[in-house]
Amino acid sequence: MRLCDRDIEKLIIKKKIIIDPAPNIEEINGLTLDIHLSNKFRIFKDFKNTVVDLKKSSENIKSKLQKGISNEIIINDNESFILKPKDFVLSMTVERISISDNLVGWLDGRSSLARLGLMIHMTSHRIDPGWSGNIVLEIFNAGKYILSLNPGIAIAALSFERLSGYSKRPYHLKKNSKYFNQSNIISSLIYKD
C-alpha cells in the first residue's frame, strides 16, 4: 500500500525517510513528494562506431565505459540545459534521499512534463530499501520540441510503500551496492555485476 502524505510526514519526522535539504510541507501532496533537478548533467559523446557489448567480459565493458564516453557538466543555477528531441542525458536530484530498510520508494515523472515528451527515468524507478544518495535521472526528450531544463524545477515525484517487514538484504548491505551514497552522476557500472 502506498503511503499518504500524513504518513510520509510522520516518517520524515521519525527519520525513516531522510531528505536533505528538507522539503517544504507544501511539496508533499496526497501520496507524493516533489523532488528537484540539480545543475549537474552527464552528456554522452557522439561515437558512431562505439559498441558496448554486454555479453563480453566485465573488463571489456569497463574499459569502454572508462574511456570517457560521457562528460559531466555543471551549469549555473540561473542557466538552462537545452535538451533537443531524441537526446538523452543523465542528471540528478538536488535532494539526497535515505530510506529505511522496511520501505521502497518509487520515482515518477510529472504529468505536465511528460505531456511535452520529457521522460525522467528509462526503467529504473525503484528506490530500494536501505538506499541512500542523490537519485540519478535518466532524462530523454521523446517529444518534438526543444526543452529548456532549469536547475531547481520540480522534475519528479517520489512515493513510498511500506514492506511486510524489514528487508533481510537492504541495499546498503549488499556486496555489489554499486550506487550507494552516490553524490555525483555515476555512469553505468554494469561491469561490476
N, C-alpha and C. Protein backbone atom coordinates (compact mmCIF):
# COMPACT_ATOMS: atom_id res chain seq x y z
N MET A 1 0.84 -1.17 0.00
CA MET A 1 0.00 0.00 0.00
C MET A 1 0.89 1.25 0.00
N ARG A 2 0.59 2.19 -0.89
CA ARG A 2 1.36 3.44 -0.94
C ARG A 2 1.00 4.31 0.25
N LEU A 3 1.99 5.03 0.73
CA LEU A 3 1.78 5.88 1.90
C LEU A 3 1.16 7.21 1.51
N CYS A 4 0.29 7.72 2.34
CA CYS A 4 -0.31 9.04 2.10
C CYS A 4 0.61 10.12 2.66
N ASP A 5 0.29 11.36 2.35
CA ASP A 5 1.11 12.49 2.77
C ASP A 5 1.29 12.55 4.28
N ARG A 6 0.26 12.22 5.05
CA ARG A 6 0.38 12.24 6.51
C ARG A 6 1.44 11.26 7.00
N ASP A 7 1.42 10.04 6.39
CA ASP A 7 2.39 9.02 6.80
C ASP A 7 3.80 9.39 6.35
N ILE A 8 3.93 9.99 5.17
CA ILE A 8 5.25 10.43 4.70
C ILE A 8 5.81 11.46 5.67
N GLU A 9 4.98 12.41 6.07
CA GLU A 9 5.42 13.44 7.02
C GLU A 9 5.86 12.81 8.34
N LYS A 10 5.10 11.82 8.85
CA LYS A 10 5.46 11.15 10.10
C LYS A 10 6.81 10.44 9.98
N LEU A 11 7.03 9.77 8.84
CA LEU A 11 8.29 9.03 8.64
C LEU A 11 9.47 9.97 8.47
N ILE A 12 9.24 11.15 7.93
CA ILE A 12 10.31 12.16 7.84
C ILE A 12 10.68 12.62 9.25
N ILE A 13 9.68 12.86 10.08
CA ILE A 13 9.92 13.29 11.47
C ILE A 13 10.67 12.19 12.23
N LYS A 14 10.31 10.91 12.00
CA LYS A 14 10.96 9.79 12.68
C LYS A 14 12.31 9.40 12.05
N LYS A 15 12.68 10.10 10.96
CA LYS A 15 13.93 9.85 10.23
C LYS A 15 13.99 8.46 9.60
N LYS A 16 12.83 7.92 9.24
CA LYS A 16 12.76 6.68 8.45
C LYS A 16 12.87 7.02 6.97
N ILE A 17 12.52 8.25 6.63
CA ILE A 17 12.77 8.85 5.32
C ILE A 17 13.55 10.13 5.62
N ILE A 18 14.76 10.22 5.07
CA ILE A 18 15.58 11.41 5.29
C ILE A 18 15.75 12.11 3.96
N ILE A 19 15.44 13.40 3.96
CA ILE A 19 15.55 14.20 2.74
C ILE A 19 16.36 15.44 3.07
N ASP A 20 17.44 15.64 2.30
CA ASP A 20 18.30 16.79 2.53
C ASP A 20 18.58 17.47 1.19
N PRO A 21 18.18 18.73 1.02
CA PRO A 21 17.54 19.59 2.01
C PRO A 21 16.10 19.16 2.30
N ALA A 22 15.65 19.46 3.49
CA ALA A 22 14.31 19.08 3.93
C ALA A 22 13.26 19.72 3.02
N PRO A 23 12.22 18.98 2.70
CA PRO A 23 11.18 19.54 1.81
C PRO A 23 10.28 20.52 2.53
N ASN A 24 9.71 21.44 1.77
CA ASN A 24 8.63 22.26 2.30
C ASN A 24 7.41 21.37 2.43
N ILE A 25 6.62 21.58 3.43
CA ILE A 25 5.44 20.76 3.67
C ILE A 25 4.49 20.79 2.48
N GLU A 26 4.48 21.91 1.73
CA GLU A 26 3.60 22.04 0.56
C GLU A 26 4.03 21.14 -0.59
N GLU A 27 5.26 20.61 -0.52
CA GLU A 27 5.76 19.74 -1.59
C GLU A 27 5.38 18.28 -1.37
N ILE A 28 4.63 18.00 -0.30
CA ILE A 28 4.14 16.65 -0.04
C ILE A 28 2.63 16.70 -0.25
N ASN A 29 2.18 16.05 -1.33
CA ASN A 29 0.77 16.14 -1.72
C ASN A 29 0.17 14.76 -1.94
N GLY A 30 -0.92 14.47 -1.27
CA GLY A 30 -1.63 13.22 -1.49
C GLY A 30 -0.77 12.02 -1.15
N LEU A 31 0.06 11.60 -2.10
CA LEU A 31 0.91 10.45 -1.85
C LEU A 31 2.32 10.65 -2.40
N THR A 32 2.67 11.87 -2.82
CA THR A 32 3.99 12.07 -3.39
C THR A 32 4.71 13.26 -2.77
N LEU A 33 6.01 13.23 -2.97
CA LEU A 33 6.92 14.27 -2.52
C LEU A 33 7.66 14.79 -3.74
N ASP A 34 7.56 16.07 -4.03
CA ASP A 34 8.27 16.65 -5.18
C ASP A 34 9.77 16.65 -4.95
N ILE A 35 10.53 16.32 -6.01
CA ILE A 35 11.98 16.42 -5.97
C ILE A 35 12.43 17.28 -7.15
N HIS A 36 13.63 17.82 -7.04
CA HIS A 36 14.06 18.89 -7.93
C HIS A 36 15.33 18.55 -8.71
N LEU A 37 15.45 19.17 -9.88
CA LEU A 37 16.57 18.94 -10.79
C LEU A 37 17.81 19.70 -10.33
N SER A 38 18.94 19.02 -10.31
CA SER A 38 20.20 19.69 -9.94
C SER A 38 20.75 20.45 -11.15
N ASN A 39 21.91 21.03 -10.97
CA ASN A 39 22.58 21.76 -12.05
C ASN A 39 23.69 20.93 -12.69
N LYS A 40 23.74 19.63 -12.37
CA LYS A 40 24.75 18.74 -12.93
C LYS A 40 24.12 17.85 -14.00
N PHE A 41 24.86 17.68 -15.10
CA PHE A 41 24.39 16.83 -16.20
C PHE A 41 25.57 16.03 -16.73
N ARG A 42 25.30 14.82 -17.18
CA ARG A 42 26.32 13.99 -17.83
C ARG A 42 25.84 13.76 -19.25
N ILE A 43 26.62 14.33 -20.20
CA ILE A 43 26.26 14.22 -21.61
C ILE A 43 27.14 13.17 -22.28
N PHE A 44 26.56 12.46 -23.23
CA PHE A 44 27.27 11.38 -23.91
C PHE A 44 27.87 11.89 -25.21
N LYS A 45 29.11 11.47 -25.44
CA LYS A 45 29.79 11.83 -26.68
C LYS A 45 29.17 11.05 -27.82
N ASP A 46 29.25 11.62 -29.00
CA ASP A 46 28.65 11.00 -30.18
C ASP A 46 29.69 10.13 -30.89
N PHE A 47 29.81 8.89 -30.43
CA PHE A 47 30.72 7.95 -31.06
C PHE A 47 29.88 7.04 -31.96
N LYS A 48 30.02 7.22 -33.25
CA LYS A 48 29.19 6.46 -34.19
C LYS A 48 29.51 4.97 -34.19
N ASN A 49 30.76 4.60 -33.92
CA ASN A 49 31.15 3.20 -34.00
C ASN A 49 31.42 2.57 -32.64
N THR A 50 31.03 3.23 -31.56
CA THR A 50 31.25 2.65 -30.24
C THR A 50 30.17 1.62 -29.94
N VAL A 51 30.62 0.42 -29.63
CA VAL A 51 29.71 -0.67 -29.27
C VAL A 51 30.09 -1.14 -27.88
N VAL A 52 29.14 -1.15 -26.98
CA VAL A 52 29.36 -1.71 -25.65
C VAL A 52 28.66 -3.06 -25.66
N ASP A 53 29.44 -4.12 -25.83
CA ASP A 53 28.90 -5.48 -25.94
C ASP A 53 28.70 -6.04 -24.54
N LEU A 54 27.44 -6.14 -24.13
CA LEU A 54 27.11 -6.57 -22.77
C LEU A 54 27.35 -8.06 -22.55
N LYS A 55 27.63 -8.83 -23.62
CA LYS A 55 27.92 -10.26 -23.48
C LYS A 55 29.40 -10.51 -23.23
N LYS A 56 30.24 -9.51 -23.49
CA LYS A 56 31.68 -9.70 -23.32
C LYS A 56 32.06 -9.60 -21.85
N SER A 57 33.31 -9.83 -21.60
CA SER A 57 33.80 -9.83 -20.22
C SER A 57 33.62 -8.48 -19.55
N SER A 58 33.56 -8.51 -18.23
CA SER A 58 33.39 -7.26 -17.49
C SER A 58 34.56 -6.32 -17.71
N GLU A 59 35.75 -6.82 -17.92
CA GLU A 59 36.90 -5.95 -18.17
C GLU A 59 36.76 -5.21 -19.49
N ASN A 60 36.19 -5.88 -20.51
CA ASN A 60 35.97 -5.25 -21.81
C ASN A 60 34.98 -4.09 -21.67
N ILE A 61 33.89 -4.34 -20.96
CA ILE A 61 32.87 -3.29 -20.76
C ILE A 61 33.47 -2.15 -19.94
N LYS A 62 34.20 -2.49 -18.89
CA LYS A 62 34.81 -1.48 -18.02
C LYS A 62 35.73 -0.57 -18.83
N SER A 63 36.55 -1.14 -19.68
CA SER A 63 37.49 -0.31 -20.46
C SER A 63 36.75 0.62 -21.40
N LYS A 64 35.66 0.15 -22.02
CA LYS A 64 34.87 1.01 -22.92
C LYS A 64 34.24 2.16 -22.13
N LEU A 65 33.64 1.84 -20.99
CA LEU A 65 32.94 2.86 -20.21
C LEU A 65 33.90 3.86 -19.57
N GLN A 66 35.09 3.39 -19.23
CA GLN A 66 36.05 4.29 -18.58
C GLN A 66 36.85 5.11 -19.58
N LYS A 67 36.69 4.84 -20.87
CA LYS A 67 37.39 5.63 -21.89
C LYS A 67 36.77 7.01 -22.05
N GLY A 68 35.75 7.25 -21.33
CA GLY A 68 35.17 8.59 -21.37
C GLY A 68 34.13 8.76 -22.45
N ILE A 69 33.08 7.96 -22.41
CA ILE A 69 32.03 8.11 -23.40
C ILE A 69 31.06 9.23 -23.00
N SER A 70 31.31 9.84 -21.83
CA SER A 70 30.45 10.94 -21.39
C SER A 70 31.27 11.96 -20.61
N ASN A 71 30.73 13.16 -20.52
CA ASN A 71 31.35 14.24 -19.75
C ASN A 71 30.32 14.82 -18.79
N GLU A 72 30.77 15.16 -17.59
CA GLU A 72 29.87 15.85 -16.65
C GLU A 72 30.06 17.34 -16.82
N ILE A 73 28.94 18.04 -16.89
CA ILE A 73 28.99 19.50 -16.92
C ILE A 73 28.15 20.03 -15.77
N ILE A 74 28.51 21.19 -15.30
CA ILE A 74 27.76 21.87 -14.25
C ILE A 74 27.39 23.25 -14.80
N ILE A 75 26.10 23.56 -14.76
CA ILE A 75 25.68 24.86 -15.24
C ILE A 75 25.33 25.74 -14.04
N ASN A 76 25.32 27.04 -14.25
CA ASN A 76 24.91 27.97 -13.19
C ASN A 76 23.43 27.79 -12.91
N ASP A 77 23.03 28.06 -11.69
CA ASP A 77 21.63 27.88 -11.31
C ASP A 77 20.68 28.76 -12.11
N ASN A 78 21.17 29.85 -12.69
CA ASN A 78 20.30 30.73 -13.47
C ASN A 78 20.36 30.41 -14.96
N GLU A 79 21.10 29.36 -15.35
CA GLU A 79 21.18 28.95 -16.76
C GLU A 79 20.18 27.82 -17.02
N SER A 80 20.08 27.45 -18.29
CA SER A 80 19.22 26.34 -18.70
C SER A 80 20.05 25.30 -19.43
N PHE A 81 19.64 24.05 -19.30
CA PHE A 81 20.23 22.98 -20.08
C PHE A 81 19.26 22.70 -21.22
N ILE A 82 19.75 22.78 -22.46
CA ILE A 82 18.91 22.60 -23.63
C ILE A 82 18.92 21.13 -24.03
N LEU A 83 17.73 20.53 -24.10
CA LEU A 83 17.59 19.12 -24.46
C LEU A 83 16.78 19.04 -25.75
N LYS A 84 17.47 18.64 -26.82
CA LYS A 84 16.83 18.54 -28.13
C LYS A 84 16.02 17.25 -28.23
N PRO A 85 15.08 17.19 -29.17
CA PRO A 85 14.32 15.96 -29.37
C PRO A 85 15.25 14.77 -29.63
N LYS A 86 14.95 13.65 -29.01
CA LYS A 86 15.68 12.38 -29.12
C LYS A 86 17.02 12.41 -28.41
N ASP A 87 17.32 13.43 -27.63
CA ASP A 87 18.56 13.48 -26.85
C ASP A 87 18.34 12.81 -25.49
N PHE A 88 19.43 12.21 -25.01
CA PHE A 88 19.44 11.51 -23.73
C PHE A 88 20.57 12.10 -22.89
N VAL A 89 20.29 12.32 -21.62
CA VAL A 89 21.28 12.89 -20.71
C VAL A 89 21.01 12.35 -19.30
N LEU A 90 22.05 12.25 -18.51
CA LEU A 90 21.87 11.91 -17.11
C LEU A 90 21.93 13.19 -16.29
N SER A 91 21.14 13.27 -15.26
CA SER A 91 21.22 14.35 -14.30
C SER A 91 20.97 13.73 -12.93
N MET A 92 20.69 14.56 -11.96
CA MET A 92 20.43 14.03 -10.62
C MET A 92 19.51 14.98 -9.87
N THR A 93 19.06 14.51 -8.72
CA THR A 93 18.18 15.33 -7.90
C THR A 93 19.02 16.24 -6.99
N VAL A 94 18.45 17.37 -6.65
CA VAL A 94 19.05 18.25 -5.65
C VAL A 94 19.06 17.52 -4.31
N GLU A 95 17.97 16.83 -4.03
CA GLU A 95 17.78 16.17 -2.74
C GLU A 95 18.58 14.88 -2.63
N ARG A 96 19.12 14.67 -1.45
CA ARG A 96 19.72 13.40 -1.06
C ARG A 96 18.64 12.66 -0.28
N ILE A 97 18.36 11.42 -0.68
CA ILE A 97 17.27 10.65 -0.10
C ILE A 97 17.85 9.43 0.61
N SER A 98 17.37 9.13 1.79
CA SER A 98 17.71 7.90 2.50
C SER A 98 16.42 7.29 2.99
N ILE A 99 16.25 5.97 2.75
CA ILE A 99 15.02 5.34 3.22
C ILE A 99 15.32 4.12 4.07
N SER A 100 14.42 3.87 4.98
CA SER A 100 14.53 2.77 5.94
C SER A 100 14.54 1.42 5.23
N ASP A 101 14.99 0.41 5.94
CA ASP A 101 15.06 -0.96 5.41
C ASP A 101 13.69 -1.61 5.24
N ASN A 102 12.63 -0.95 5.68
CA ASN A 102 11.29 -1.52 5.52
C ASN A 102 10.42 -0.70 4.57
N LEU A 103 11.06 0.13 3.74
CA LEU A 103 10.34 0.95 2.76
C LEU A 103 10.92 0.75 1.37
N VAL A 104 10.12 0.98 0.36
CA VAL A 104 10.58 1.06 -1.02
C VAL A 104 10.04 2.38 -1.58
N GLY A 105 10.86 3.07 -2.34
CA GLY A 105 10.43 4.32 -2.95
C GLY A 105 10.19 4.14 -4.44
N TRP A 106 9.32 4.97 -5.00
CA TRP A 106 9.01 4.92 -6.43
C TRP A 106 9.16 6.31 -7.01
N LEU A 107 9.94 6.41 -8.07
CA LEU A 107 10.20 7.67 -8.77
C LEU A 107 9.27 7.76 -9.96
N ASP A 108 8.54 8.84 -10.06
CA ASP A 108 7.63 9.06 -11.19
C ASP A 108 7.84 10.45 -11.77
N GLY A 109 7.71 10.52 -13.08
CA GLY A 109 7.78 11.80 -13.75
C GLY A 109 6.51 12.60 -13.50
N ARG A 110 6.61 13.87 -13.81
CA ARG A 110 5.44 14.74 -13.67
C ARG A 110 4.63 14.71 -14.96
N SER A 111 3.34 14.60 -14.84
CA SER A 111 2.45 14.52 -15.99
C SER A 111 2.60 15.73 -16.91
N SER A 112 2.71 16.92 -16.33
CA SER A 112 2.83 18.13 -17.15
C SER A 112 4.08 18.11 -18.02
N LEU A 113 5.17 17.53 -17.51
CA LEU A 113 6.41 17.42 -18.29
C LEU A 113 6.32 16.28 -19.29
N ALA A 114 5.70 15.18 -18.90
CA ALA A 114 5.54 14.04 -19.81
C ALA A 114 4.70 14.42 -21.02
N ARG A 115 3.76 15.33 -20.85
CA ARG A 115 2.91 15.76 -21.96
C ARG A 115 3.68 16.58 -22.99
N LEU A 116 4.90 16.98 -22.62
CA LEU A 116 5.80 17.64 -23.57
C LEU A 116 6.83 16.65 -24.14
N GLY A 117 6.75 15.39 -23.69
CA GLY A 117 7.66 14.36 -24.18
C GLY A 117 8.85 14.09 -23.28
N LEU A 118 8.90 14.69 -22.09
CA LEU A 118 10.06 14.53 -21.22
C LEU A 118 9.90 13.29 -20.33
N MET A 119 10.87 12.37 -20.46
CA MET A 119 10.92 11.18 -19.62
C MET A 119 12.06 11.39 -18.64
N ILE A 120 11.87 11.04 -17.37
CA ILE A 120 12.93 11.27 -16.38
C ILE A 120 13.55 9.97 -15.86
N HIS A 121 13.02 8.84 -16.26
CA HIS A 121 13.68 7.57 -15.98
C HIS A 121 13.34 6.60 -17.11
N MET A 122 14.33 5.81 -17.49
CA MET A 122 14.12 4.86 -18.58
C MET A 122 13.42 3.61 -18.03
N THR A 123 13.98 2.99 -17.02
CA THR A 123 13.32 1.83 -16.39
C THR A 123 13.54 1.80 -14.89
N SER A 124 14.52 2.51 -14.41
CA SER A 124 14.91 2.36 -13.00
C SER A 124 14.21 3.36 -12.10
N HIS A 125 12.98 3.06 -11.77
CA HIS A 125 12.23 4.00 -10.93
C HIS A 125 12.05 3.49 -9.50
N ARG A 126 12.66 2.35 -9.18
CA ARG A 126 12.55 1.81 -7.82
C ARG A 126 13.72 2.30 -6.96
N ILE A 127 13.42 2.75 -5.75
CA ILE A 127 14.43 3.12 -4.77
C ILE A 127 14.39 2.02 -3.70
N ASP A 128 15.43 1.21 -3.68
CA ASP A 128 15.46 0.00 -2.84
C ASP A 128 15.46 0.32 -1.35
N PRO A 129 14.95 -0.63 -0.54
CA PRO A 129 15.02 -0.49 0.91
C PRO A 129 16.48 -0.30 1.35
N GLY A 130 16.71 0.65 2.24
CA GLY A 130 18.06 0.90 2.74
C GLY A 130 18.95 1.72 1.82
N TRP A 131 18.39 2.29 0.76
CA TRP A 131 19.18 3.07 -0.19
C TRP A 131 19.39 4.48 0.32
N SER A 132 20.51 5.09 -0.07
CA SER A 132 20.80 6.46 0.29
C SER A 132 21.63 7.11 -0.82
N GLY A 133 21.32 8.36 -1.14
CA GLY A 133 22.09 9.11 -2.13
C GLY A 133 21.22 10.06 -2.91
N ASN A 134 21.86 10.77 -3.84
CA ASN A 134 21.12 11.60 -4.79
C ASN A 134 20.66 10.67 -5.91
N ILE A 135 19.44 10.83 -6.34
CA ILE A 135 18.88 9.96 -7.38
C ILE A 135 19.37 10.44 -8.74
N VAL A 136 19.94 9.53 -9.52
CA VAL A 136 20.34 9.86 -10.88
C VAL A 136 19.12 9.71 -11.77
N LEU A 137 18.89 10.72 -12.60
CA LEU A 137 17.74 10.76 -13.50
C LEU A 137 18.21 10.44 -14.92
N GLU A 138 17.52 9.55 -15.60
CA GLU A 138 17.82 9.19 -16.99
C GLU A 138 16.83 9.96 -17.85
N ILE A 139 17.23 11.11 -18.33
CA ILE A 139 16.31 12.05 -18.97
C ILE A 139 16.37 11.89 -20.49
N PHE A 140 15.20 11.73 -21.10
CA PHE A 140 15.09 11.57 -22.55
C PHE A 140 13.99 12.48 -23.06
N ASN A 141 14.27 13.18 -24.15
CA ASN A 141 13.26 14.03 -24.79
C ASN A 141 12.64 13.23 -25.93
N ALA A 142 11.48 12.64 -25.66
CA ALA A 142 10.76 11.84 -26.66
C ALA A 142 9.81 12.71 -27.48
N GLY A 143 9.77 14.00 -27.18
CA GLY A 143 8.85 14.89 -27.87
C GLY A 143 9.43 15.53 -29.11
N LYS A 144 8.73 16.49 -29.63
CA LYS A 144 9.12 17.19 -30.86
C LYS A 144 9.69 18.57 -30.60
N TYR A 145 9.67 19.03 -29.35
CA TYR A 145 10.11 20.38 -29.01
C TYR A 145 11.46 20.36 -28.30
N ILE A 146 12.25 21.39 -28.51
CA ILE A 146 13.47 21.58 -27.73
C ILE A 146 13.02 22.02 -26.34
N LEU A 147 13.53 21.35 -25.31
CA LEU A 147 13.13 21.65 -23.93
C LEU A 147 14.27 22.32 -23.18
N SER A 148 13.93 23.34 -22.43
CA SER A 148 14.89 24.07 -21.61
C SER A 148 14.71 23.62 -20.17
N LEU A 149 15.72 22.91 -19.64
CA LEU A 149 15.66 22.38 -18.28
C LEU A 149 16.37 23.33 -17.34
N ASN A 150 15.70 23.76 -16.31
CA ASN A 150 16.24 24.73 -15.37
C ASN A 150 16.52 24.08 -14.03
N PRO A 151 17.73 24.25 -13.50
CA PRO A 151 18.03 23.72 -12.17
C PRO A 151 17.01 24.22 -11.15
N GLY A 152 16.61 23.31 -10.27
CA GLY A 152 15.67 23.67 -9.22
C GLY A 152 14.22 23.40 -9.54
N ILE A 153 13.89 23.08 -10.82
CA ILE A 153 12.48 22.83 -11.12
C ILE A 153 12.05 21.51 -10.49
N ALA A 154 10.77 21.42 -10.15
CA ALA A 154 10.21 20.16 -9.67
C ALA A 154 10.17 19.22 -10.87
N ILE A 155 11.08 18.26 -10.89
CA ILE A 155 11.27 17.41 -12.06
C ILE A 155 10.52 16.08 -11.93
N ALA A 156 10.29 15.63 -10.71
CA ALA A 156 9.69 14.32 -10.49
C ALA A 156 9.03 14.28 -9.12
N ALA A 157 8.44 13.13 -8.82
CA ALA A 157 7.80 12.93 -7.52
C ALA A 157 8.16 11.55 -6.99
N LEU A 158 8.29 11.45 -5.68
CA LEU A 158 8.56 10.17 -5.02
C LEU A 158 7.33 9.75 -4.24
N SER A 159 7.04 8.46 -4.29
CA SER A 159 6.04 7.87 -3.40
C SER A 159 6.71 6.71 -2.69
N PHE A 160 6.09 6.25 -1.64
CA PHE A 160 6.70 5.22 -0.79
C PHE A 160 5.69 4.15 -0.44
N GLU A 161 6.19 2.93 -0.29
CA GLU A 161 5.39 1.81 0.19
C GLU A 161 6.08 1.17 1.37
N ARG A 162 5.31 0.75 2.34
CA ARG A 162 5.85 0.01 3.47
C ARG A 162 5.90 -1.47 3.09
N LEU A 163 7.02 -2.13 3.37
CA LEU A 163 7.16 -3.56 3.11
C LEU A 163 6.48 -4.36 4.21
N SER A 164 6.31 -5.64 4.00
CA SER A 164 5.67 -6.50 5.00
C SER A 164 6.55 -6.66 6.24
N GLY A 165 7.82 -6.30 6.13
CA GLY A 165 8.75 -6.37 7.25
C GLY A 165 10.04 -5.67 6.86
N TYR A 166 11.06 -5.81 7.68
CA TYR A 166 12.36 -5.22 7.37
C TYR A 166 13.11 -6.14 6.41
N SER A 167 13.71 -5.56 5.40
CA SER A 167 14.45 -6.32 4.39
C SER A 167 15.64 -7.04 5.03
N LYS A 168 15.83 -8.30 4.67
CA LYS A 168 16.96 -9.08 5.17
C LYS A 168 18.26 -8.63 4.50
N ARG A 169 18.17 -8.20 3.24
CA ARG A 169 19.34 -7.76 2.48
C ARG A 169 19.08 -6.37 1.88
N PRO A 170 19.02 -5.33 2.71
CA PRO A 170 18.79 -3.99 2.19
C PRO A 170 19.96 -3.53 1.32
N TYR A 171 19.70 -2.51 0.54
CA TYR A 171 20.68 -2.05 -0.46
C TYR A 171 22.04 -1.75 0.16
N HIS A 172 22.08 -1.10 1.29
CA HIS A 172 23.35 -0.68 1.88
C HIS A 172 24.17 -1.85 2.42
N LEU A 173 23.58 -3.05 2.52
CA LEU A 173 24.33 -4.22 2.99
C LEU A 173 24.71 -5.19 1.87
N LYS A 174 24.23 -4.93 0.64
CA LYS A 174 24.56 -5.80 -0.49
C LYS A 174 26.04 -5.67 -0.84
N LYS A 175 26.64 -6.79 -1.25
CA LYS A 175 28.05 -6.77 -1.65
C LYS A 175 28.28 -5.86 -2.85
N ASN A 176 27.38 -5.88 -3.79
CA ASN A 176 27.56 -5.09 -5.01
C ASN A 176 26.59 -3.90 -5.08
N SER A 177 26.47 -3.17 -3.99
CA SER A 177 25.61 -1.98 -3.99
C SER A 177 26.37 -0.84 -4.66
N LYS A 178 26.35 -0.87 -5.98
CA LYS A 178 27.19 0.00 -6.82
C LYS A 178 26.91 1.49 -6.66
N TYR A 179 25.68 1.84 -6.36
CA TYR A 179 25.31 3.25 -6.38
C TYR A 179 24.96 3.80 -5.00
N PHE A 180 25.32 3.07 -3.94
CA PHE A 180 25.00 3.53 -2.59
C PHE A 180 25.81 4.77 -2.25
N ASN A 181 25.17 5.75 -1.65
CA ASN A 181 25.78 7.02 -1.24
C ASN A 181 26.29 7.86 -2.41
N GLN A 182 25.71 7.67 -3.60
CA GLN A 182 26.17 8.48 -4.73
C GLN A 182 25.80 9.94 -4.52
N SER A 183 26.76 10.79 -4.82
CA SER A 183 26.52 12.23 -4.72
C SER A 183 26.90 12.93 -6.01
N ASN A 184 27.31 12.14 -6.99
CA ASN A 184 27.60 12.64 -8.34
C ASN A 184 26.85 11.78 -9.33
N ILE A 185 26.87 12.20 -10.58
CA ILE A 185 26.20 11.42 -11.61
C ILE A 185 27.14 10.31 -12.04
N ILE A 186 26.81 9.11 -11.63
CA ILE A 186 27.63 7.95 -11.93
C ILE A 186 27.07 7.27 -13.18
N SER A 187 27.94 7.07 -14.18
CA SER A 187 27.51 6.33 -15.37
C SER A 187 27.32 4.87 -15.00
N SER A 188 26.94 4.08 -15.97
CA SER A 188 26.68 2.67 -15.75
C SER A 188 27.90 1.95 -15.17
N LEU A 189 27.65 1.18 -14.13
CA LEU A 189 28.68 0.31 -13.54
C LEU A 189 28.32 -1.15 -13.78
N ILE A 190 27.73 -1.43 -14.94
CA ILE A 190 27.29 -2.78 -15.29
C ILE A 190 28.44 -3.78 -15.22
N TYR A 191 29.66 -3.31 -15.45
CA TYR A 191 30.81 -4.21 -15.43
C TYR A 191 31.10 -4.75 -14.03
N LYS A 192 30.47 -4.19 -13.01
CA LYS A 192 30.67 -4.71 -11.65
C LYS A 192 29.73 -5.85 -11.30
N ASP A 193 28.82 -6.19 -12.21
CA ASP A 193 27.90 -7.32 -11.96
C ASP A 193 28.65 -8.64 -11.94
